Amino acid sequence: MTWTAVAVLAAGTLALKAVGPLVTGRRLLSGSVAGAVAMLPPALLAALVALQTLGDGRALTVDARLPAVAVAALAVWKGASLLTVVVLATVTAALLRLAGLP
């Protein structure tokens, strides 16, 4: 079921990307619309990260994931490589769970 949903969403994404230029007739978007469209991917990614970090079914949960994401965000802000960011976040979550934080 999950792979079917992934395949359907991927096909829908490709269809929307193909239809977009056809519908707009290769016209450029206005400045305000282009700005809003440019902000959508980071906003959606932030919402996904927040849900995966704080969500636990139907409740909000604060556990070792939250400090791990904070450490990863700090590492990204400081310009660390992707591998370094992943290792820092993993080690942070592992140490906090070892210390007893769920």
PDB file of N, CA and C in Angstrom:
ATOM      1  N   MET A   1       0.820  -1.196   0.000  1.00  0.00           N
ATOM      2  CA  MET A   1       0.000   0.000   0.000  1.00  0.00           C
ATOM      3  C   MET A   1       0.864   1.259   0.000  1.00  0.00           C
ATOM      4  N   THR A   2       1.934   1.253   0.797  1.00  0.00           N
ATOM      5  CA  THR A   2       2.791   2.430   0.893  1.00  0.00           C
ATOM      6  C   THR A   2       3.467   2.720  -0.442  1.00  0.00           C
ATOM      7  N   TRP A   3       3.989   1.661  -1.086  1.00  0.00           N
ATOM      8  CA  TRP A   3       4.675   1.874  -2.363  1.00  0.00           C
ATOM      9  C   TRP A   3       3.717   2.336  -3.449  1.00  0.00           C
ATOM     10  N   THR A   4       2.483   1.888  -3.370  1.00  0.00           N
ATOM     11  CA  THR A   4       1.479   2.362  -4.325  1.00  0.00           C
ATOM     12  C   THR A   4       1.255   3.856  -4.142  1.00  0.00           C
ATOM     13  N   ALA A   5       1.152   4.302  -2.892  1.00  0.00           N
ATOM     14  CA  ALA A   5       0.960   5.725  -2.615  1.00  0.00           C
ATOM     15  C   ALA A   5       2.162   6.531  -3.089  1.00  0.00           C
ATOM     16  N   VAL A   6       3.365   6.019  -2.864  1.00  0.00           N
ATOM     17  CA  VAL A   6       4.572   6.716  -3.317  1.00  0.00           C
ATOM     18  C   VAL A   6       4.587   6.820  -4.836  1.00  0.00           C
ATOM     19  N   ALA A   7       4.239   5.739  -5.511  1.00  0.00           N
ATOM     20  CA  ALA A   7       4.227   5.750  -6.975  1.00  0.00           C
ATOM     21  C   ALA A   7       3.179   6.716  -7.520  1.00  0.00           C
ATOM     22  N   VAL A   8       2.006   6.736  -6.902  1.00  0.00           N
ATOM     23  CA  VAL A   8       0.946   7.647  -7.348  1.00  0.00           C
ATOM     24  C   VAL A   8       1.361   9.098  -7.128  1.00  0.00           C
ATOM     25  N   LEU A   9       1.942   9.392  -5.969  1.00  0.00           N
ATOM     26  CA  LEU A   9       2.390  10.760  -5.694  1.00  0.00           C
ATOM     27  C   LEU A   9       3.525  11.176  -6.641  1.00  0.00           C
ATOM     28  N   ALA A  10       4.435  10.266  -6.946  1.00  0.00           N
ATOM     29  CA  ALA A  10       5.521  10.580  -7.876  1.00  0.00           C
ATOM     30  C   ALA A  10       4.959  10.860  -9.273  1.00  0.00           C
ATOM     31  N   ALA A  11       4.011  10.045  -9.705  1.00  0.00           N
ATOM     32  CA  ALA A  11       3.394  10.270 -11.021  1.00  0.00           C
ATOM     33  C   ALA A  11       2.636  11.595 -11.046  1.00  0.00           C
ATOM     34  N   GLY A  12       1.933  11.899  -9.956  1.00  0.00           N
ATOM     35  CA  GLY A  12       1.220  13.174  -9.881  1.00  0.00           C
ATOM     36  C   GLY A  12       2.164  14.357  -9.923  1.00  0.00           C
ATOM     37  N   THR A  13       3.289  14.240  -9.242  1.00  0.00           N
ATOM     38  CA  THR A  13       4.280  15.314  -9.254  1.00  0.00           C
ATOM     39  C   THR A  13       4.826  15.523 -10.656  1.00  0.00           C
ATOM     40  N   LEU A  14       5.166  14.444 -11.320  1.00  0.00           N
ATOM     41  CA  LEU A  14       5.672  14.563 -12.689  1.00  0.00           C
ATOM     42  C   LEU A  14       4.620  15.161 -13.621  1.00  0.00           C
ATOM     43  N   ALA A  15       3.370  14.755 -13.448  1.00  0.00           N
ATOM     44  CA  ALA A  15       2.298  15.303 -14.284  1.00  0.00           C
ATOM     45  C   ALA A  15       2.133  16.798 -14.050  1.00  0.00           C
ATOM     46  N   LEU A  16       2.170  17.221 -12.799  1.00  0.00           N
ATOM     47  CA  LEU A  16       2.042  18.655 -12.508  1.00  0.00           C
ATOM     48  C   LEU A  16       3.211  19.448 -13.084  1.00  0.00           C
ATOM     49  N   LYS A  17       4.415  18.885 -13.010  1.00  0.00           N
ATOM     50  CA  LYS A  17       5.575  19.583 -13.578  1.00  0.00           C
ATOM     51  C   LYS A  17       5.463  19.680 -15.094  1.00  0.00           C
ATOM     52  N   ALA A  18       4.874  18.674 -15.716  1.00  0.00           N
ATOM     53  CA  ALA A  18       4.726  18.702 -17.168  1.00  0.00           C
ATOM     54  C   ALA A  18       3.610  19.640 -17.603  1.00  0.00           C
ATOM     55  N   VAL A  19       2.527  19.695 -16.836  1.00  0.00           N
ATOM     56  CA  VAL A  19       1.368  20.503 -17.200  1.00  0.00           C
ATOM     57  C   VAL A  19       1.614  21.986 -16.928  1.00  0.00           C
ATOM     58  N   GLY A  20       2.408  22.305 -15.922  1.00  0.00           N
ATOM     59  CA  GLY A  20       2.643  23.695 -15.544  1.00  0.00           C
ATOM     60  C   GLY A  20       3.033  24.603 -16.701  1.00  0.00           C
ATOM     61  N   PRO A  21       4.101  24.274 -17.439  1.00  0.00           N
ATOM     62  CA  PRO A  21       4.484  25.131 -18.571  1.00  0.00           C
ATOM     63  C   PRO A  21       3.422  25.192 -19.667  1.00  0.00           C
ATOM     64  N   LEU A  22       2.674  24.115 -19.835  1.00  0.00           N
ATOM     65  CA  LEU A  22       1.629  24.125 -20.862  1.00  0.00           C
ATOM     66  C   LEU A  22       0.495  25.072 -20.489  1.00  0.00           C
ATOM     67  N   VAL A  23       0.110  25.071 -19.226  1.00  0.00           N
ATOM     68  CA  VAL A  23      -0.994  25.912 -18.774  1.00  0.00           C
ATOM     69  C   VAL A  23      -0.606  27.383 -18.785  1.00  0.00           C
ATOM     70  N   THR A  24       0.591  27.679 -18.337  1.00  0.00           N
ATOM     71  CA  THR A  24       1.011  29.083 -18.275  1.00  0.00           C
ATOM     72  C   THR A  24       1.442  29.623 -19.626  1.00  0.00           C
ATOM     73  N   GLY A  25       1.599  28.758 -20.611  1.00  0.00           N
ATOM     74  CA  GLY A  25       2.009  29.221 -21.936  1.00  0.00           C
ATOM     75  C   GLY A  25       3.388  29.843 -21.913  1.00  0.00           C
ATOM     76  N   ARG A  26       4.256  29.331 -21.073  1.00  0.00           N
ATOM     77  CA  ARG A  26       5.641  29.805 -20.939  1.00  0.00           C
ATOM     78  C   ARG A  26       5.722  31.249 -20.451  1.00  0.00           C
ATOM     79  N   ARG A  27       4.633  31.735 -19.848  1.00  0.00           N
ATOM     80  CA  ARG A  27       4.660  33.078 -19.269  1.00  0.00           C
ATOM     81  C   ARG A  27       5.337  33.032 -17.915  1.00  0.00           C
ATOM     82  N   LEU A  28       5.972  34.105 -17.552  1.00  0.00           N
ATOM     83  CA  LEU A  28       6.608  34.192 -16.246  1.00  0.00           C
ATOM     84  C   LEU A  28       5.571  34.574 -15.199  1.00  0.00           C
ATOM     85  N   LEU A  29       5.770  34.081 -14.000  1.00  0.00           N
ATOM     86  CA  LEU A  29       4.871  34.431 -12.903  1.00  0.00           C
ATOM     87  C   LEU A  29       5.186  35.833 -12.421  1.00  0.00           C
ATOM     88  N   SER A  30       4.193  36.485 -11.840  1.00  0.00           N
ATOM     89  CA  SER A  30       4.428  37.814 -11.286  1.00  0.00           C
ATOM     90  C   SER A  30       5.372  37.694 -10.086  1.00  0.00           C
ATOM     91  N   GLY A  31       5.940  38.810  -9.684  1.00  0.00           N
ATOM     92  CA  GLY A  31       6.924  38.812  -8.604  1.00  0.00           C
ATOM     93  C   GLY A  31       6.406  38.246  -7.303  1.00  0.00           C
ATOM     94  N   SER A  32       5.201  38.627  -6.903  1.00  0.00           N
ATOM     95  CA  SER A  32       4.666  38.141  -5.632  1.00  0.00           C
ATOM     96  C   SER A  32       4.325  36.654  -5.699  1.00  0.00           C
ATOM     97  N   VAL A  33       3.789  36.196  -6.816  1.00  0.00           N
ATOM     98  CA  VAL A  33       3.453  34.779  -6.964  1.00  0.00           C
ATOM     99  C   VAL A  33       4.726  33.947  -7.033  1.00  0.00           C
ATOM    100  N   ALA A  34       5.722  34.424  -7.757  1.00  0.00           N
ATOM    101  CA  ALA A  34       6.995  33.700  -7.845  1.00  0.00           C
ATOM    102  C   ALA A  34       7.656  33.602  -6.479  1.00  0.00           C
ATOM    103  N   GLY A  35       7.565  34.655  -5.688  1.00  0.00           N
ATOM    104  CA  GLY A  35       8.122  34.616  -4.334  1.00  0.00           C
ATOM    105  C   GLY A  35       7.410  33.610  -3.457  1.00  0.00           C
ATOM    106  N   ALA A  36       6.076  33.570  -3.566  1.00  0.00           N
ATOM    107  CA  ALA A  36       5.304  32.609  -2.774  1.00  0.00           C
ATOM    108  C   ALA A  36       5.603  31.181  -3.196  1.00  0.00           C
ATOM    109  N   VAL A  37       5.724  30.947  -4.487  1.00  0.00           N
ATOM    110  CA  VAL A  37       6.030  29.610  -4.989  1.00  0.00           C
ATOM    111  C   VAL A  37       7.428  29.179  -4.549  1.00  0.00           C
ATOM    112  N   ALA A  38       8.358  30.102  -4.519  1.00  0.00           N
ATOM    113  CA  ALA A  38       9.719  29.784  -4.093  1.00  0.00           C
ATOM    114  C   ALA A  38       9.787  29.426  -2.615  1.00  0.00           C
ATOM    115  N   MET A  39       8.847  29.944  -1.821  1.00  0.00           N
ATOM    116  CA  MET A  39       8.850  29.657  -0.380  1.00  0.00           C
ATOM    117  C   MET A  39       8.135  28.347  -0.025  1.00  0.00           C
ATOM    118  N   LEU A  40       7.406  27.756  -0.947  1.00  0.00           N
ATOM    119  CA  LEU A  40       6.653  26.544  -0.641  1.00  0.00           C
ATOM    120  C   LEU A  40       7.528  25.339  -0.294  1.00  0.00           C
ATOM    121  N   PRO A  41       8.551  24.992  -1.076  1.00  0.00           N
ATOM    122  CA  PRO A  41       9.344  23.805  -0.718  1.00  0.00           C
ATOM    123  C   PRO A  41      10.005  23.885   0.662  1.00  0.00           C
ATOM    124  N   PRO A  42      10.657  25.011   1.024  1.00  0.00           N
ATOM    125  CA  PRO A  42      11.236  25.045   2.379  1.00  0.00           C
ATOM    126  C   PRO A  42      10.177  24.970   3.477  1.00  0.00           C
ATOM    127  N   ALA A  43       9.022  25.577   3.240  1.00  0.00           N
ATOM    128  CA  ALA A  43       7.960  25.530   4.249  1.00  0.00           C
ATOM    129  C   ALA A  43       7.425  24.112   4.413  1.00  0.00           C
ATOM    130  N   LEU A  44       7.231  23.414   3.306  1.00  0.00           N
ATOM    131  CA  LEU A  44       6.760  22.036   3.384  1.00  0.00           C
ATOM    132  C   LEU A  44       7.788  21.130   4.039  1.00  0.00           C
ATOM    133  N   LEU A  45       9.062  21.339   3.731  1.00  0.00           N
ATOM    134  CA  LEU A  45      10.118  20.547   4.361  1.00  0.00           C
ATOM    135  C   LEU A  45      10.166  20.805   5.861  1.00  0.00           C
ATOM    136  N   ALA A  46      10.034  22.064   6.267  1.00  0.00           N
ATOM    137  CA  ALA A  46      10.033  22.397   7.695  1.00  0.00           C
ATOM    138  C   ALA A  46       8.845  21.758   8.400  1.00  0.00           C
ATOM    139  N   ALA A  47       7.690  21.758   7.759  1.00  0.00           N
ATOM    140  CA  ALA A  47       6.506  21.124   8.360  1.00  0.00           C
ATOM    141  C   ALA A  47       6.708  19.620   8.493  1.00  0.00           C
ATOM    142  N   LEU A  48       7.299  19.002   7.489  1.00  0.00           N
ATOM    143  CA  LEU A  48       7.563  17.570   7.555  1.00  0.00           C
ATOM    144  C   LEU A  48       8.540  17.240   8.674  1.00  0.00           C
ATOM    145  N   VAL A  49       9.607  18.020   8.797  1.00  0.00           N
ATOM    146  CA  VAL A  49      10.585  17.795   9.863  1.00  0.00           C
ATOM    147  C   VAL A  49       9.923  17.983  11.229  1.00  0.00           C
ATOM    148  N   ALA A  50       9.102  19.012  11.376  1.00  0.00           N
ATOM    149  CA  ALA A  50       8.422  19.252  12.653  1.00  0.00           C
ATOM    150  C   ALA A  50       7.490  18.096  13.008  1.00  0.00           C
ATOM    151  N   LEU A  51       6.741  17.603  12.033  1.00  0.00           N
ATOM    152  CA  LEU A  51       5.833  16.484  12.294  1.00  0.00           C
ATOM    153  C   LEU A  51       6.590  15.220  12.677  1.00  0.00           C
ATOM    154  N   GLN A  52       7.673  14.942  11.957  1.00  0.00           N
ATOM    155  CA  GLN A  52       8.435  13.741  12.253  1.00  0.00           C
ATOM    156  C   GLN A  52       9.187  13.854  13.575  1.00  0.00           C
ATOM    157  N   THR A  53       9.536  15.063  13.965  1.00  0.00           N
ATOM    158  CA  THR A  53      10.287  15.261  15.198  1.00  0.00           C
ATOM    159  C   THR A  53       9.377  15.259  16.417  1.00  0.00           C
ATOM    160  N   LEU A  54       8.249  15.922  16.325  1.00  0.00           N
ATOM    161  CA  LEU A  54       7.381  16.097  17.483  1.00  0.00           C
ATOM    162  C   LEU A  54       6.150  15.204  17.479  1.00  0.00           C
ATOM    163  N   GLY A  55       5.839  14.595  16.361  1.00  0.00           N
ATOM    164  CA  GLY A  55       4.612  13.822  16.268  1.00  0.00           C
ATOM    165  C   GLY A  55       4.773  12.391  16.731  1.00  0.00           C
ATOM    166  N   ASP A  56       3.732  11.894  17.386  1.00  0.00           N
ATOM    167  CA  ASP A  56       3.678  10.501  17.811  1.00  0.00           C
ATOM    168  C   ASP A  56       2.223  10.065  17.723  1.00  0.00           C
ATOM    169  N   GLY A  57       1.797   9.746  16.531  1.00  0.00           N
ATOM    170  CA  GLY A  57       0.389   9.407  16.343  1.00  0.00           C
ATOM    171  C   GLY A  57      -0.462  10.658  16.392  1.00  0.00           C
ATOM    172  N   ARG A  58      -1.280  10.782  17.434  1.00  0.00           N
ATOM    173  CA  ARG A  58      -2.166  11.939  17.566  1.00  0.00           C
ATOM    174  C   ARG A  58      -1.718  12.904  18.648  1.00  0.00           C
ATOM    175  N   ALA A  59      -0.522  12.704  19.192  1.00  0.00           N
ATOM    176  CA  ALA A  59      -0.048  13.558  20.284  1.00  0.00           C
ATOM    177  C   ALA A  59       1.323  14.138  19.947  1.00  0.00           C
ATOM    178  N   LEU A  60       1.639  15.232  20.603  1.00  0.00           N
ATOM    179  CA  LEU A  60       2.973  15.806  20.474  1.00  0.00           C
ATOM    180  C   LEU A  60       3.872  15.174  21.525  1.00  0.00           C
ATOM    181  N   THR A  61       5.079  14.838  21.124  1.00  0.00           N
ATOM    182  CA  THR A  61       6.012  14.179  22.014  1.00  0.00           C
ATOM    183  C   THR A  61       7.363  14.867  21.944  1.00  0.00           C
ATOM    184  N   VAL A  62       7.928  15.161  23.090  1.00  0.00           N
ATOM    185  CA  VAL A  62       9.286  15.699  23.143  1.00  0.00           C
ATOM    186  C   VAL A  62      10.180  14.582  23.657  1.00  0.00           C
ATOM    187  N   ASP A  63      11.079  14.121  22.802  1.00  0.00           N
ATOM    188  CA  ASP A  63      12.020  13.083  23.193  1.00  0.00           C
ATOM    189  C   ASP A  63      13.391  13.418  22.616  1.00  0.00           C
ATOM    190  N   ALA A  64      14.233  12.445  22.432  1.00  0.00           N
ATOM    191  CA  ALA A  64      15.611  12.679  22.000  1.00  0.00           C
ATOM    192  C   ALA A  64      15.698  13.238  20.577  1.00  0.00           C
ATOM    193  N   ARG A  65      14.632  13.117  19.822  1.00  0.00           N
ATOM    194  CA  ARG A  65      14.667  13.623  18.443  1.00  0.00           C
ATOM    195  C   ARG A  65      14.759  15.144  18.380  1.00  0.00           C
ATOM    196  N   LEU A  66      14.094  15.826  19.311  1.00  0.00           N
ATOM    197  CA  LEU A  66      14.081  17.291  19.276  1.00  0.00           C
ATOM    198  C   LEU A  66      15.475  17.894  19.473  1.00  0.00           C
ATOM    199  N   PRO A  67      16.231  17.506  20.503  1.00  0.00           N
ATOM    200  CA  PRO A  67      17.590  18.042  20.617  1.00  0.00           C
ATOM    201  C   PRO A  67      18.483  17.611  19.448  1.00  0.00           C
ATOM    202  N   ALA A  68      18.246  16.415  18.914  1.00  0.00           N
ATOM    203  CA  ALA A  68      19.046  15.959  17.773  1.00  0.00           C
ATOM    204  C   ALA A  68      18.807  16.844  16.551  1.00  0.00           C
ATOM    205  N   VAL A  69      17.564  17.205  16.310  1.00  0.00           N
ATOM    206  CA  VAL A  69      17.256  18.096  15.187  1.00  0.00           C
ATOM    207  C   VAL A  69      17.835  19.490  15.445  1.00  0.00           C
ATOM    208  N   ALA A  70      17.789  19.937  16.689  1.00  0.00           N
ATOM    209  CA  ALA A  70      18.377  21.245  17.025  1.00  0.00           C
ATOM    210  C   ALA A  70      19.878  21.245  16.780  1.00  0.00           C
ATOM    211  N   VAL A  71      20.555  20.167  17.160  1.00  0.00           N
ATOM    212  CA  VAL A  71      22.001  20.061  16.904  1.00  0.00           C
ATOM    213  C   VAL A  71      22.265  20.027  15.400  1.00  0.00           C
ATOM    214  N   ALA A  72      21.443  19.303  14.660  1.00  0.00           N
ATOM    215  CA  ALA A  72      21.605  19.250  13.204  1.00  0.00           C
ATOM    216  C   ALA A  72      21.386  20.618  12.582  1.00  0.00           C
ATOM    217  N   ALA A  73      20.387  21.349  13.045  1.00  0.00           N
ATOM    218  CA  ALA A  73      20.119  22.693  12.506  1.00  0.00           C
ATOM    219  C   ALA A  73      21.296  23.625  12.796  1.00  0.00           C
ATOM    220  N   LEU A  74      21.852  23.532  13.984  1.00  0.00           N
ATOM    221  CA  LEU A  74      23.008  24.350  14.339  1.00  0.00           C
ATOM    222  C   LEU A  74      24.202  23.995  13.457  1.00  0.00           C
ATOM    223  N   ALA A  75      24.405  22.713  13.208  1.00  0.00           N
ATOM    224  CA  ALA A  75      25.513  22.281  12.356  1.00  0.00           C
ATOM    225  C   ALA A  75      25.334  22.772  10.916  1.00  0.00           C
ATOM    226  N   VAL A  76      24.108  22.722  10.425  1.00  0.00           N
ATOM    227  CA  VAL A  76      23.836  23.239   9.069  1.00  0.00           C
ATOM    228  C   VAL A  76      24.100  24.735   9.026  1.00  0.00           C
ATOM    229  N   TRP A  77      23.646  25.437  10.047  1.00  0.00           N
ATOM    230  CA  TRP A  77      23.845  26.891  10.105  1.00  0.00           C
ATOM    231  C   TRP A  77      25.333  27.239  10.121  1.00  0.00           C
ATOM    232  N   LYS A  78      26.129  26.407  10.784  1.00  0.00           N
ATOM    233  CA  LYS A  78      27.574  26.648  10.853  1.00  0.00           C
ATOM    234  C   LYS A  78      28.307  26.201   9.591  1.00  0.00           C
ATOM    235  N   GLY A  79      27.595  25.555   8.675  1.00  0.00           N
ATOM    236  CA  GLY A  79      28.194  25.180   7.399  1.00  0.00           C
ATOM    237  C   GLY A  79      28.819  23.802   7.372  1.00  0.00           C
ATOM    238  N   ALA A  80      28.402  22.918   8.262  1.00  0.00           N
ATOM    239  CA  ALA A  80      28.944  21.562   8.294  1.00  0.00           C
ATOM    240  C   ALA A  80      28.462  20.761   7.084  1.00  0.00           C
ATOM    241  N   SER A  81      29.233  19.738   6.733  1.00  0.00           N
ATOM    242  CA  SER A  81      28.846  18.878   5.612  1.00  0.00           C
ATOM    243  C   SER A  81      27.642  18.020   6.014  1.00  0.00           C
ATOM    244  N   LEU A  82      26.974  17.459   5.034  1.00  0.00           N
ATOM    245  CA  LEU A  82      25.796  16.638   5.293  1.00  0.00           C
ATOM    246  C   LEU A  82      26.149  15.440   6.165  1.00  0.00           C
ATOM    247  N   LEU A  83      27.269  14.795   5.892  1.00  0.00           N
ATOM    248  CA  LEU A  83      27.682  13.648   6.688  1.00  0.00           C
ATOM    249  C   LEU A  83      27.909  14.044   8.147  1.00  0.00           C
ATOM    250  N   THR A  84      28.542  15.179   8.361  1.00  0.00           N
ATOM    251  CA  THR A  84      28.774  15.667   9.721  1.00  0.00           C
ATOM    252  C   THR A  84      27.461  15.958  10.423  1.00  0.00           C
ATOM    253  N   VAL A  85      26.521  16.566   9.731  1.00  0.00           N
ATOM    254  CA  VAL A  85      25.212  16.886  10.302  1.00  0.00           C
ATOM    255  C   VAL A  85      24.496  15.608  10.735  1.00  0.00           C
ATOM    256  N   VAL A  86      24.496  14.602   9.874  1.00  0.00           N
ATOM    257  CA  VAL A  86      23.816  13.342  10.180  1.00  0.00           C
ATOM    258  C   VAL A  86      24.480  12.648  11.370  1.00  0.00           C
ATOM    259  N   VAL A  87      25.811  12.619  11.380  1.00  0.00           N
ATOM    260  CA  VAL A  87      26.528  11.968  12.481  1.00  0.00           C
ATOM    261  C   VAL A  87      26.269  12.694  13.798  1.00  0.00           C
ATOM    262  N   LEU A  88      26.321  14.023  13.789  1.00  0.00           N
ATOM    263  CA  LEU A  88      26.073  14.788  15.015  1.00  0.00           C
ATOM    264  C   LEU A  88      24.664  14.551  15.554  1.00  0.00           C
ATOM    265  N   ALA A  89      23.679  14.559  14.677  1.00  0.00           N
ATOM    266  CA  ALA A  89      22.304  14.332  15.112  1.00  0.00           C
ATOM    267  C   ALA A  89      22.129  12.914  15.645  1.00  0.00           C
ATOM    268  N   THR A  90      22.726  11.946  14.978  1.00  0.00           N
ATOM    269  CA  THR A  90      22.612  10.555  15.418  1.00  0.00           C
ATOM    270  C   THR A  90      23.266  10.345  16.776  1.00  0.00           C
ATOM    271  N   VAL A  91      24.456  10.879  16.928  1.00  0.00           N
ATOM    272  CA  VAL A  91      25.170  10.732  18.194  1.00  0.00           C
ATOM    273  C   VAL A  91      24.413  11.441  19.322  1.00  0.00           C
ATOM    274  N   THR A  92      23.869  12.607  19.033  1.00  0.00           N
ATOM    275  CA  THR A  92      23.098  13.332  20.052  1.00  0.00           C
ATOM    276  C   THR A  92      21.897  12.513  20.511  1.00  0.00           C
ATOM    277  N   ALA A  93      21.123  11.986  19.564  1.00  0.00           N
ATOM    278  CA  ALA A  93      19.947  11.186  19.929  1.00  0.00           C
ATOM    279  C   ALA A  93      20.360   9.922  20.674  1.00  0.00           C
ATOM    280  N   ALA A  94      21.429   9.279  20.232  1.00  0.00           N
ATOM    281  CA  ALA A  94      21.874   8.049  20.883  1.00  0.00           C
ATOM    282  C   ALA A  94      22.326   8.313  22.318  1.00  0.00           C
ATOM    283  N   LEU A  95      23.085   9.366  22.524  1.00  0.00           N
ATOM    284  CA  LEU A  95      23.552   9.684  23.877  1.00  0.00           C
ATOM    285  C   LEU A  95      22.393  10.052  24.800  1.00  0.00           C
ATOM    286  N   LEU A  96      21.442  10.801  24.282  1.00  0.00           N
ATOM    287  CA  LEU A  96      20.284  11.166  25.112  1.00  0.00           C
ATOM    288  C   LEU A  96      19.428   9.955  25.461  1.00  0.00           C
ATOM    289  N   ARG A  97      19.290   9.049  24.528  1.00  0.00           N
ATOM    290  CA  ARG A  97      18.526   7.818  24.811  1.00  0.00           C
ATOM    291  C   ARG A  97      19.300   6.917  25.777  1.00  0.00           C
ATOM    292  N   LEU A  98      20.613   6.918  25.653  1.00  0.00           N
ATOM    293  CA  LEU A  98      21.439   6.153  26.585  1.00  0.00           C
ATOM    294  C   LEU A  98      21.326   6.732  27.999  1.00  0.00           C
ATOM    295  N   ALA A  99      21.153   8.047  28.069  1.00  0.00           N
ATOM    296  CA  ALA A  99      21.013   8.710  29.371  1.00  0.00           C
ATOM    297  C   ALA A  99      19.607   8.558  29.965  1.00  0.00           C
ATOM    298  N   GLY A 100      18.698   7.968  29.201  1.00  0.00           N
ATOM    299  CA  GLY A 100      17.372   7.710  29.755  1.00  0.00           C
ATOM    300  C   GLY A 100      16.242   8.526  29.154  1.00  0.00           C
ATOM    301  N   LEU A 101      16.541   9.477  28.264  1.00  0.00           N
ATOM    302  CA  LEU A 101      15.473  10.234  27.606  1.00  0.00           C
ATOM    303  C   LEU A 101      14.862   9.344  26.527  1.00  0.00           C
ATOM    304  N   PRO A 102      13.549   9.231  26.496  1.00  0.00           N
ATOM    305  CA  PRO A 102      12.926   8.324  25.506  1.00  0.00           C
ATOM    306  C   PRO A 102      13.137   8.747  24.075  1.00  0.00           C
TER     307      PRO A 102
END
